[in-house]
Amino acid sequence: MSEDIVKELLDDDAFDPKKLFNEEEYSTLIIKREGFNKKENNTADLLESLLEKEITRQESEEIFLKLKETNSIEIMVDAIKKAQRTEEKTILAAACWESCLDFSKYFLFFTELTCSDNFLLSMEALTVVEYIEGTIDESTLTKALEIAQNTKSKNKELIEDLITNIKSRIA
């Protein structure tokens, strides 16, 4: 180890622990990878990359394409569930619809996310619901309608759109 590196490691001013916990600087999402195979680890890396502050639109588009190619639905939903910051949930929800995958299996999950008080998260989750093309069973639709009609969300227009979408699927 070079002497300069040792000095830097021992320099109290070189390392600021406060920066490590600054949510504006660093993503706090860590995807639990125990038991993951190589493909799943790569998917987790892609999702974590989406949360980087300096990511370009082109880089995001490449990630969405790779997520679609690997059919990463379960890992994506799990990442949203584990994300603690609303901003992270919003980015990951957007990745769901932008990857053009079918989240039919998670219709209720995205219905509940749409009922969020955060406008951006609600909008991205609603977009996922709108992009779902698979058949949703009637009991799931009934439960989703009940959730949407009983929500206290302040995003009334988005909730109205959600209710309209659910009702159109019941008919």
N, C-alpha and C. Protein backbone atom coordinates (compact mmCIF):
# COMPACT_ATOMS: atom_id res chain seq x y z
N MET A 1 0.85 -1.17 0.00
CA MET A 1 0.00 0.00 0.00
C MET A 1 0.90 1.24 0.00
N SER A 2 0.59 2.17 -0.86
CA SER A 2 1.45 3.35 -0.93
C SER A 2 1.21 4.24 0.29
N GLU A 3 2.21 5.02 0.58
CA GLU A 3 2.16 5.91 1.74
C GLU A 3 1.04 6.95 1.61
N ASP A 4 0.78 7.42 0.38
CA ASP A 4 -0.26 8.42 0.16
C ASP A 4 -1.65 7.87 0.49
N ILE A 5 -1.87 6.63 0.11
CA ILE A 5 -3.17 6.01 0.39
C ILE A 5 -3.38 5.87 1.89
N VAL A 6 -2.34 5.45 2.59
CA VAL A 6 -2.42 5.30 4.04
C VAL A 6 -2.71 6.64 4.69
N LYS A 7 -2.03 7.70 4.25
CA LYS A 7 -2.27 9.04 4.80
C LYS A 7 -3.71 9.47 4.56
N GLU A 8 -4.20 9.20 3.36
CA GLU A 8 -5.57 9.59 3.04
C GLU A 8 -6.57 8.84 3.91
N LEU A 9 -6.33 7.57 4.14
CA LEU A 9 -7.22 6.78 4.98
C LEU A 9 -7.23 7.26 6.42
N LEU A 10 -6.10 7.75 6.88
CA LEU A 10 -5.98 8.22 8.25
C LEU A 10 -6.39 9.68 8.42
N ASP A 11 -6.54 10.39 7.33
CA ASP A 11 -6.89 11.81 7.36
C ASP A 11 -8.37 11.96 7.71
N ASP A 12 -8.65 12.60 8.85
CA ASP A 12 -10.03 12.77 9.31
C ASP A 12 -10.87 13.60 8.35
N ASP A 13 -10.25 14.53 7.64
CA ASP A 13 -11.00 15.40 6.72
C ASP A 13 -11.31 14.72 5.39
N ALA A 14 -10.61 13.65 5.06
CA ALA A 14 -10.80 12.98 3.77
C ALA A 14 -12.08 12.15 3.75
N PHE A 15 -12.56 11.76 4.89
CA PHE A 15 -13.73 10.89 4.97
C PHE A 15 -14.80 11.57 5.81
N ASP A 16 -15.91 11.86 5.20
CA ASP A 16 -17.01 12.51 5.91
C ASP A 16 -18.20 11.55 5.98
N PRO A 17 -18.39 10.90 7.14
CA PRO A 17 -19.47 9.93 7.26
C PRO A 17 -20.86 10.53 7.02
N LYS A 18 -21.02 11.83 7.23
CA LYS A 18 -22.33 12.46 6.99
C LYS A 18 -22.74 12.34 5.53
N LYS A 19 -21.75 12.35 4.64
CA LYS A 19 -22.05 12.25 3.22
C LYS A 19 -22.65 10.88 2.87
N LEU A 20 -22.26 9.86 3.61
CA LEU A 20 -22.76 8.52 3.32
C LEU A 20 -24.26 8.40 3.56
N PHE A 21 -24.79 9.21 4.44
CA PHE A 21 -26.20 9.12 4.79
C PHE A 21 -27.02 10.27 4.21
N ASN A 22 -26.42 11.01 3.29
CA ASN A 22 -27.11 12.10 2.62
C ASN A 22 -27.93 11.52 1.48
N GLU A 23 -29.25 11.51 1.65
CA GLU A 23 -30.13 10.90 0.65
C GLU A 23 -30.09 11.63 -0.69
N GLU A 24 -29.67 12.90 -0.68
CA GLU A 24 -29.56 13.64 -1.93
C GLU A 24 -28.36 13.16 -2.75
N GLU A 25 -27.37 12.61 -2.08
CA GLU A 25 -26.13 12.20 -2.74
C GLU A 25 -26.11 10.72 -3.12
N TYR A 26 -26.72 9.89 -2.31
CA TYR A 26 -26.59 8.45 -2.52
C TYR A 26 -27.95 7.75 -2.44
N SER A 27 -28.10 6.74 -3.27
CA SER A 27 -29.28 5.90 -3.21
C SER A 27 -29.16 5.00 -1.99
N THR A 28 -30.27 4.80 -1.32
CA THR A 28 -30.24 3.94 -0.14
C THR A 28 -30.81 2.55 -0.42
N LEU A 29 -31.26 2.32 -1.65
CA LEU A 29 -31.85 1.03 -1.99
C LEU A 29 -30.76 -0.02 -2.15
N ILE A 30 -30.89 -1.08 -1.39
CA ILE A 30 -29.99 -2.22 -1.53
C ILE A 30 -30.88 -3.43 -1.74
N ILE A 31 -30.72 -4.06 -2.87
CA ILE A 31 -31.54 -5.23 -3.18
C ILE A 31 -30.88 -6.45 -2.57
N LYS A 32 -31.64 -7.16 -1.74
CA LYS A 32 -31.11 -8.37 -1.10
C LYS A 32 -30.89 -9.42 -2.18
N ARG A 33 -29.66 -9.91 -2.27
CA ARG A 33 -29.30 -10.79 -3.38
C ARG A 33 -29.02 -12.23 -2.95
N GLU A 34 -29.32 -12.56 -1.73
CA GLU A 34 -29.06 -13.91 -1.25
C GLU A 34 -29.80 -14.92 -2.12
N GLY A 35 -29.08 -15.87 -2.65
CA GLY A 35 -29.67 -16.90 -3.49
C GLY A 35 -29.87 -16.49 -4.93
N PHE A 36 -29.44 -15.30 -5.30
CA PHE A 36 -29.59 -14.83 -6.68
C PHE A 36 -28.62 -15.56 -7.59
N ASN A 37 -29.06 -15.84 -8.81
CA ASN A 37 -28.15 -16.35 -9.82
C ASN A 37 -27.53 -15.16 -10.55
N LYS A 38 -26.69 -15.42 -11.52
CA LYS A 38 -25.99 -14.34 -12.23
C LYS A 38 -26.98 -13.39 -12.91
N LYS A 39 -28.00 -13.93 -13.54
CA LYS A 39 -29.01 -13.12 -14.23
C LYS A 39 -29.72 -12.19 -13.25
N GLU A 40 -30.09 -12.72 -12.10
CA GLU A 40 -30.79 -11.91 -11.10
C GLU A 40 -29.87 -10.83 -10.52
N ASN A 41 -28.60 -11.15 -10.33
CA ASN A 41 -27.64 -10.15 -9.86
C ASN A 41 -27.49 -9.03 -10.89
N ASN A 42 -27.45 -9.39 -12.16
CA ASN A 42 -27.34 -8.38 -13.21
C ASN A 42 -28.58 -7.48 -13.22
N THR A 43 -29.74 -8.07 -13.02
CA THR A 43 -30.98 -7.29 -12.96
C THR A 43 -30.95 -6.33 -11.78
N ALA A 44 -30.51 -6.81 -10.63
CA ALA A 44 -30.41 -5.95 -9.45
C ALA A 44 -29.46 -4.78 -9.72
N ASP A 45 -28.35 -5.06 -10.39
CA ASP A 45 -27.40 -4.00 -10.77
C ASP A 45 -28.08 -2.96 -11.66
N LEU A 46 -28.88 -3.43 -12.61
CA LEU A 46 -29.58 -2.52 -13.52
C LEU A 46 -30.54 -1.61 -12.75
N LEU A 47 -31.29 -2.19 -11.84
CA LEU A 47 -32.26 -1.41 -11.07
C LEU A 47 -31.56 -0.37 -10.19
N GLU A 48 -30.46 -0.77 -9.58
CA GLU A 48 -29.71 0.17 -8.75
C GLU A 48 -29.11 1.28 -9.62
N SER A 49 -28.73 0.96 -10.85
CA SER A 49 -28.18 1.96 -11.77
C SER A 49 -29.22 3.03 -12.13
N LEU A 50 -30.48 2.62 -12.20
CA LEU A 50 -31.54 3.59 -12.52
C LEU A 50 -31.64 4.70 -11.48
N LEU A 51 -31.18 4.42 -10.27
CA LEU A 51 -31.31 5.38 -9.18
C LEU A 51 -30.14 6.36 -9.10
N GLU A 52 -29.15 6.18 -9.96
CA GLU A 52 -28.00 7.09 -9.95
C GLU A 52 -28.44 8.46 -10.44
N LYS A 53 -27.94 9.50 -9.78
CA LYS A 53 -28.33 10.88 -10.10
C LYS A 53 -27.91 11.30 -11.50
N GLU A 54 -26.78 10.82 -11.97
CA GLU A 54 -26.21 11.29 -13.23
C GLU A 54 -26.61 10.44 -14.44
N ILE A 55 -27.58 9.57 -14.30
CA ILE A 55 -27.94 8.69 -15.41
C ILE A 55 -28.59 9.50 -16.54
N THR A 56 -28.23 9.16 -17.77
CA THR A 56 -28.79 9.86 -18.93
C THR A 56 -30.04 9.12 -19.42
N ARG A 57 -30.82 9.78 -20.24
CA ARG A 57 -32.02 9.15 -20.80
C ARG A 57 -31.64 7.94 -21.65
N GLN A 58 -30.56 8.07 -22.42
CA GLN A 58 -30.10 6.96 -23.26
C GLN A 58 -29.71 5.76 -22.41
N GLU A 59 -29.01 6.00 -21.31
CA GLU A 59 -28.64 4.90 -20.41
C GLU A 59 -29.88 4.25 -19.81
N SER A 60 -30.86 5.08 -19.45
CA SER A 60 -32.12 4.54 -18.92
C SER A 60 -32.82 3.66 -19.95
N GLU A 61 -32.86 4.13 -21.20
CA GLU A 61 -33.50 3.36 -22.27
C GLU A 61 -32.83 2.00 -22.45
N GLU A 62 -31.51 1.97 -22.36
CA GLU A 62 -30.77 0.70 -22.48
C GLU A 62 -31.12 -0.23 -21.33
N ILE A 63 -31.27 0.33 -20.14
CA ILE A 63 -31.63 -0.47 -18.97
C ILE A 63 -33.04 -1.03 -19.14
N PHE A 64 -33.99 -0.20 -19.60
CA PHE A 64 -35.36 -0.68 -19.81
C PHE A 64 -35.39 -1.85 -20.79
N LEU A 65 -34.61 -1.75 -21.84
CA LEU A 65 -34.54 -2.82 -22.84
C LEU A 65 -33.99 -4.10 -22.21
N LYS A 66 -32.94 -3.98 -21.40
CA LYS A 66 -32.35 -5.16 -20.75
C LYS A 66 -33.33 -5.77 -19.74
N LEU A 67 -34.06 -4.92 -19.03
CA LEU A 67 -35.06 -5.42 -18.08
C LEU A 67 -36.14 -6.21 -18.81
N LYS A 68 -36.54 -5.72 -19.97
CA LYS A 68 -37.54 -6.44 -20.76
C LYS A 68 -36.98 -7.77 -21.24
N GLU A 69 -35.75 -7.75 -21.73
CA GLU A 69 -35.12 -8.97 -22.25
C GLU A 69 -35.01 -10.05 -21.18
N THR A 70 -34.80 -9.63 -19.94
CA THR A 70 -34.62 -10.60 -18.85
C THR A 70 -35.91 -10.88 -18.10
N ASN A 71 -37.03 -10.26 -18.53
CA ASN A 71 -38.34 -10.47 -17.91
C ASN A 71 -38.25 -10.38 -16.38
N SER A 72 -37.82 -9.24 -15.91
CA SER A 72 -37.44 -9.03 -14.50
C SER A 72 -38.58 -8.56 -13.61
N ILE A 73 -39.77 -8.99 -13.87
CA ILE A 73 -40.95 -8.50 -13.17
C ILE A 73 -40.86 -8.65 -11.65
N GLU A 74 -40.59 -9.85 -11.17
CA GLU A 74 -40.60 -10.09 -9.72
C GLU A 74 -39.54 -9.27 -9.00
N ILE A 75 -38.36 -9.20 -9.57
CA ILE A 75 -37.28 -8.43 -8.94
C ILE A 75 -37.63 -6.95 -8.91
N MET A 76 -38.27 -6.46 -9.96
CA MET A 76 -38.65 -5.05 -10.01
C MET A 76 -39.69 -4.73 -8.94
N VAL A 77 -40.70 -5.57 -8.81
CA VAL A 77 -41.73 -5.35 -7.80
C VAL A 77 -41.13 -5.45 -6.41
N ASP A 78 -40.26 -6.42 -6.19
CA ASP A 78 -39.60 -6.57 -4.90
C ASP A 78 -38.77 -5.33 -4.56
N ALA A 79 -38.09 -4.77 -5.54
CA ALA A 79 -37.29 -3.56 -5.32
C ALA A 79 -38.18 -2.39 -4.92
N ILE A 80 -39.34 -2.26 -5.55
CA ILE A 80 -40.27 -1.18 -5.17
C ILE A 80 -40.73 -1.38 -3.73
N LYS A 81 -41.06 -2.60 -3.38
CA LYS A 81 -41.52 -2.88 -2.01
C LYS A 81 -40.46 -2.55 -0.98
N LYS A 82 -39.19 -2.79 -1.32
CA LYS A 82 -38.11 -2.57 -0.37
C LYS A 82 -37.59 -1.14 -0.35
N ALA A 83 -37.86 -0.39 -1.40
CA ALA A 83 -37.39 1.00 -1.46
C ALA A 83 -38.06 1.79 -0.34
N GLN A 84 -37.27 2.55 0.40
CA GLN A 84 -37.83 3.31 1.51
C GLN A 84 -38.16 4.74 1.10
N ARG A 85 -37.47 5.26 0.13
CA ARG A 85 -37.70 6.63 -0.32
C ARG A 85 -38.72 6.66 -1.46
N THR A 86 -39.65 7.58 -1.38
CA THR A 86 -40.69 7.70 -2.40
C THR A 86 -40.07 7.95 -3.77
N GLU A 87 -39.01 8.75 -3.82
CA GLU A 87 -38.35 9.04 -5.09
C GLU A 87 -37.85 7.76 -5.76
N GLU A 88 -37.31 6.84 -4.97
CA GLU A 88 -36.83 5.57 -5.52
C GLU A 88 -38.00 4.73 -6.01
N LYS A 89 -39.08 4.67 -5.23
CA LYS A 89 -40.27 3.92 -5.65
C LYS A 89 -40.80 4.46 -6.98
N THR A 90 -40.78 5.78 -7.12
CA THR A 90 -41.28 6.43 -8.33
C THR A 90 -40.45 6.05 -9.54
N ILE A 91 -39.14 6.11 -9.41
CA ILE A 91 -38.24 5.76 -10.51
C ILE A 91 -38.43 4.30 -10.91
N LEU A 92 -38.54 3.43 -9.92
CA LEU A 92 -38.71 2.01 -10.19
C LEU A 92 -40.08 1.70 -10.80
N ALA A 93 -41.12 2.40 -10.35
CA ALA A 93 -42.45 2.21 -10.95
C ALA A 93 -42.43 2.66 -12.41
N ALA A 94 -41.75 3.76 -12.68
CA ALA A 94 -41.64 4.22 -14.07
C ALA A 94 -40.91 3.18 -14.92
N ALA A 95 -39.90 2.55 -14.33
CA ALA A 95 -39.15 1.51 -15.06
C ALA A 95 -40.06 0.35 -15.42
N CYS A 96 -41.07 0.09 -14.60
CA CYS A 96 -41.99 -1.01 -14.88
C CYS A 96 -42.73 -0.80 -16.19
N TRP A 97 -43.32 0.37 -16.36
CA TRP A 97 -44.07 0.58 -17.61
C TRP A 97 -43.14 0.88 -18.77
N GLU A 98 -42.00 1.52 -18.50
CA GLU A 98 -41.07 1.82 -19.59
C GLU A 98 -40.36 0.58 -20.12
N SER A 99 -40.33 -0.47 -19.34
CA SER A 99 -39.72 -1.72 -19.80
C SER A 99 -40.71 -2.56 -20.63
N CYS A 100 -41.95 -2.12 -20.70
CA CYS A 100 -43.00 -2.78 -21.50
C CYS A 100 -43.26 -4.23 -21.07
N LEU A 101 -43.10 -4.50 -19.81
CA LEU A 101 -43.42 -5.83 -19.28
C LEU A 101 -44.86 -5.84 -18.79
N ASP A 102 -45.44 -7.02 -18.70
CA ASP A 102 -46.83 -7.16 -18.26
C ASP A 102 -46.88 -7.46 -16.76
N PHE A 103 -47.37 -6.52 -16.00
CA PHE A 103 -47.44 -6.66 -14.55
C PHE A 103 -48.84 -7.07 -14.08
N SER A 104 -49.55 -7.84 -14.90
CA SER A 104 -50.91 -8.28 -14.57
C SER A 104 -50.98 -8.94 -13.20
N LYS A 105 -50.01 -9.73 -12.90
CA LYS A 105 -49.96 -10.46 -11.63
C LYS A 105 -49.93 -9.50 -10.43
N TYR A 106 -49.51 -8.27 -10.66
CA TYR A 106 -49.35 -7.29 -9.58
C TYR A 106 -50.34 -6.13 -9.72
N PHE A 107 -51.50 -6.42 -10.29
CA PHE A 107 -52.51 -5.39 -10.50
C PHE A 107 -52.89 -4.70 -9.19
N LEU A 108 -53.14 -5.47 -8.15
CA LEU A 108 -53.51 -4.89 -6.85
C LEU A 108 -52.38 -4.05 -6.27
N PHE A 109 -51.16 -4.54 -6.40
CA PHE A 109 -50.00 -3.81 -5.88
C PHE A 109 -49.92 -2.42 -6.51
N PHE A 110 -50.06 -2.35 -7.83
CA PHE A 110 -49.97 -1.06 -8.51
C PHE A 110 -51.22 -0.21 -8.29
N THR A 111 -52.36 -0.85 -8.03
CA THR A 111 -53.56 -0.11 -7.64
C THR A 111 -53.30 0.61 -6.32
N GLU A 112 -52.72 -0.11 -5.36
CA GLU A 112 -52.42 0.49 -4.06
C GLU A 112 -51.39 1.61 -4.19
N LEU A 113 -50.37 1.41 -5.04
CA LEU A 113 -49.37 2.47 -5.25
C LEU A 113 -50.02 3.71 -5.87
N THR A 114 -50.97 3.50 -6.75
CA THR A 114 -51.66 4.63 -7.37
C THR A 114 -52.38 5.46 -6.32
N CYS A 115 -52.77 4.85 -5.24
CA CYS A 115 -53.48 5.54 -4.16
C CYS A 115 -52.55 6.33 -3.24
N SER A 116 -51.29 6.41 -3.59
CA SER A 116 -50.32 7.18 -2.82
C SER A 116 -50.68 8.67 -2.86
N ASP A 117 -50.30 9.39 -1.81
CA ASP A 117 -50.49 10.84 -1.81
C ASP A 117 -49.43 11.56 -2.63
N ASN A 118 -48.34 10.87 -2.95
CA ASN A 118 -47.30 11.48 -3.77
C ASN A 118 -47.76 11.45 -5.22
N PHE A 119 -47.90 12.63 -5.83
CA PHE A 119 -48.44 12.72 -7.18
C PHE A 119 -47.62 11.93 -8.19
N LEU A 120 -46.30 12.08 -8.17
CA LEU A 120 -45.46 11.41 -9.17
C LEU A 120 -45.53 9.89 -9.04
N LEU A 121 -45.47 9.40 -7.81
CA LEU A 121 -45.58 7.95 -7.60
C LEU A 121 -46.95 7.45 -8.06
N SER A 122 -47.98 8.18 -7.70
CA SER A 122 -49.33 7.81 -8.10
C SER A 122 -49.46 7.77 -9.62
N MET A 123 -48.90 8.77 -10.29
CA MET A 123 -48.99 8.84 -11.75
C MET A 123 -48.23 7.68 -12.41
N GLU A 124 -47.02 7.38 -11.93
CA GLU A 124 -46.24 6.29 -12.51
C GLU A 124 -46.93 4.94 -12.28
N ALA A 125 -47.48 4.74 -11.08
CA ALA A 125 -48.18 3.49 -10.79
C ALA A 125 -49.44 3.36 -11.64
N LEU A 126 -50.16 4.46 -11.82
CA LEU A 126 -51.35 4.43 -12.68
C LEU A 126 -50.96 4.07 -14.11
N THR A 127 -49.84 4.57 -14.56
CA THR A 127 -49.38 4.25 -15.92
C THR A 127 -49.10 2.76 -16.05
N VAL A 128 -48.53 2.15 -15.00
CA VAL A 128 -48.31 0.70 -15.02
C VAL A 128 -49.66 0.00 -15.15
N VAL A 129 -50.64 0.41 -14.36
CA VAL A 129 -51.98 -0.19 -14.42
C VAL A 129 -52.56 -0.06 -15.83
N GLU A 130 -52.42 1.12 -16.42
CA GLU A 130 -52.97 1.36 -17.75
C GLU A 130 -52.28 0.50 -18.82
N TYR A 131 -51.02 0.18 -18.60
CA TYR A 131 -50.26 -0.62 -19.57
C TYR A 131 -50.51 -2.12 -19.43
N ILE A 132 -51.14 -2.52 -18.33
CA ILE A 132 -51.40 -3.95 -18.12
C ILE A 132 -52.42 -4.43 -19.14
N GLU A 133 -52.02 -5.43 -19.92
CA GLU A 133 -52.88 -5.95 -20.98
C GLU A 133 -53.43 -7.33 -20.66
N GLY A 134 -52.85 -8.00 -19.70
CA GLY A 134 -53.31 -9.34 -19.35
C GLY A 134 -54.69 -9.31 -18.72
N THR A 135 -55.32 -10.47 -18.70
CA THR A 135 -56.65 -10.60 -18.10
C THR A 135 -56.52 -10.61 -16.59
N ILE A 136 -57.35 -9.81 -15.95
CA ILE A 136 -57.38 -9.75 -14.49
C ILE A 136 -58.70 -10.38 -14.04
N ASP A 137 -58.62 -11.31 -13.09
CA ASP A 137 -59.85 -11.98 -12.66
C ASP A 137 -60.78 -10.99 -11.94
N GLU A 138 -62.06 -11.31 -11.97
CA GLU A 138 -63.08 -10.40 -11.46
C GLU A 138 -62.93 -10.11 -9.97
N SER A 139 -62.51 -11.09 -9.18
CA SER A 139 -62.36 -10.85 -7.74
C SER A 139 -61.23 -9.84 -7.48
N THR A 140 -60.17 -9.91 -8.26
CA THR A 140 -59.07 -8.95 -8.13
C THR A 140 -59.55 -7.56 -8.53
N LEU A 141 -60.31 -7.49 -9.61
CA LEU A 141 -60.83 -6.20 -10.07
C LEU A 141 -61.80 -5.60 -9.05
N THR A 142 -62.62 -6.44 -8.44
CA THR A 142 -63.56 -5.97 -7.42
C THR A 142 -62.81 -5.41 -6.22
N LYS A 143 -61.77 -6.12 -5.81
CA LYS A 143 -60.96 -5.65 -4.68
C LYS A 143 -60.23 -4.36 -5.05
N ALA A 144 -59.70 -4.28 -6.26
CA ALA A 144 -59.01 -3.07 -6.72
C ALA A 144 -59.96 -1.88 -6.74
N LEU A 145 -61.17 -2.10 -7.21
CA LEU A 145 -62.17 -1.03 -7.25
C LEU A 145 -62.49 -0.54 -5.84
N GLU A 146 -62.62 -1.47 -4.93
CA GLU A 146 -62.90 -1.12 -3.53
C GLU A 146 -61.75 -0.28 -2.95
N ILE A 147 -60.52 -0.69 -3.22
CA ILE A 147 -59.35 0.06 -2.75
C ILE A 147 -59.37 1.48 -3.32
N ALA A 148 -59.60 1.58 -4.61
CA ALA A 148 -59.59 2.89 -5.27
C ALA A 148 -60.72 3.80 -4.78
N GLN A 149 -61.89 3.22 -4.59
CA GLN A 149 -63.04 4.03 -4.16
C GLN A 149 -62.93 4.46 -2.70
N ASN A 150 -62.18 3.72 -1.90
CA ASN A 150 -62.07 4.03 -0.47
C ASN A 150 -60.79 4.78 -0.10
N THR A 151 -59.96 5.07 -1.07
CA THR A 151 -58.70 5.74 -0.76
C THR A 151 -58.94 7.18 -0.30
N LYS A 152 -58.05 7.66 0.52
CA LYS A 152 -58.08 9.05 0.98
C LYS A 152 -57.05 9.88 0.23
N SER A 153 -56.52 9.34 -0.86
CA SER A 153 -55.49 10.03 -1.64
C SER A 153 -55.98 11.41 -2.09
N LYS A 154 -55.07 12.36 -2.05
CA LYS A 154 -55.42 13.72 -2.49
C LYS A 154 -55.31 13.89 -4.00
N ASN A 155 -54.87 12.84 -4.70
CA ASN A 155 -54.73 12.89 -6.16
C ASN A 155 -56.03 12.45 -6.83
N LYS A 156 -57.06 13.24 -6.66
CA LYS A 156 -58.41 12.87 -7.07
C LYS A 156 -58.52 12.53 -8.56
N GLU A 157 -57.88 13.33 -9.43
CA GLU A 157 -57.98 13.07 -10.87
C GLU A 157 -57.37 11.72 -11.23
N LEU A 158 -56.23 11.42 -10.62
CA LEU A 158 -55.58 10.14 -10.91
C LEU A 158 -56.42 8.97 -10.39
N ILE A 159 -57.03 9.15 -9.23
CA ILE A 159 -57.88 8.10 -8.67
C ILE A 159 -59.12 7.90 -9.55
N GLU A 160 -59.67 8.99 -10.06
CA GLU A 160 -60.82 8.87 -10.97
C GLU A 160 -60.42 8.09 -12.22
N ASP A 161 -59.22 8.36 -12.75
CA ASP A 161 -58.73 7.61 -13.91
C ASP A 161 -58.55 6.13 -13.57
N LEU A 162 -58.05 5.86 -12.37
CA LEU A 162 -57.86 4.48 -11.93
C LEU A 162 -59.21 3.77 -11.85
N ILE A 163 -60.19 4.41 -11.25
CA ILE A 163 -61.52 3.82 -11.12
C ILE A 163 -62.13 3.54 -12.50
N THR A 164 -61.98 4.49 -13.41
CA THR A 164 -62.48 4.31 -14.78
C THR A 164 -61.80 3.12 -15.45
N ASN A 165 -60.49 3.00 -15.26
CA ASN A 165 -59.74 1.89 -15.85
C ASN A 165 -60.23 0.55 -15.29
N ILE A 166 -60.40 0.49 -13.98
CA ILE A 166 -60.85 -0.76 -13.35
C ILE A 166 -62.25 -1.13 -13.84
N LYS A 167 -63.14 -0.15 -13.85
CA LYS A 167 -64.53 -0.42 -14.29
C LYS A 167 -64.57 -0.89 -15.74
N SER A 168 -63.70 -0.36 -16.58
CA SER A 168 -63.68 -0.78 -17.98
C SER A 168 -63.23 -2.23 -18.13
N ARG A 169 -62.49 -2.72 -17.17
CA ARG A 169 -62.02 -4.11 -17.21
C ARG A 169 -63.10 -5.07 -16.69
N ILE A 170 -63.99 -4.56 -15.85
CA ILE A 170 -65.06 -5.40 -15.29
C ILE A 170 -66.14 -5.66 -16.33
N ALA A 171 -66.42 -4.69 -17.14
CA ALA A 171 -67.52 -4.78 -18.12
C ALA A 171 -67.37 -5.92 -19.09
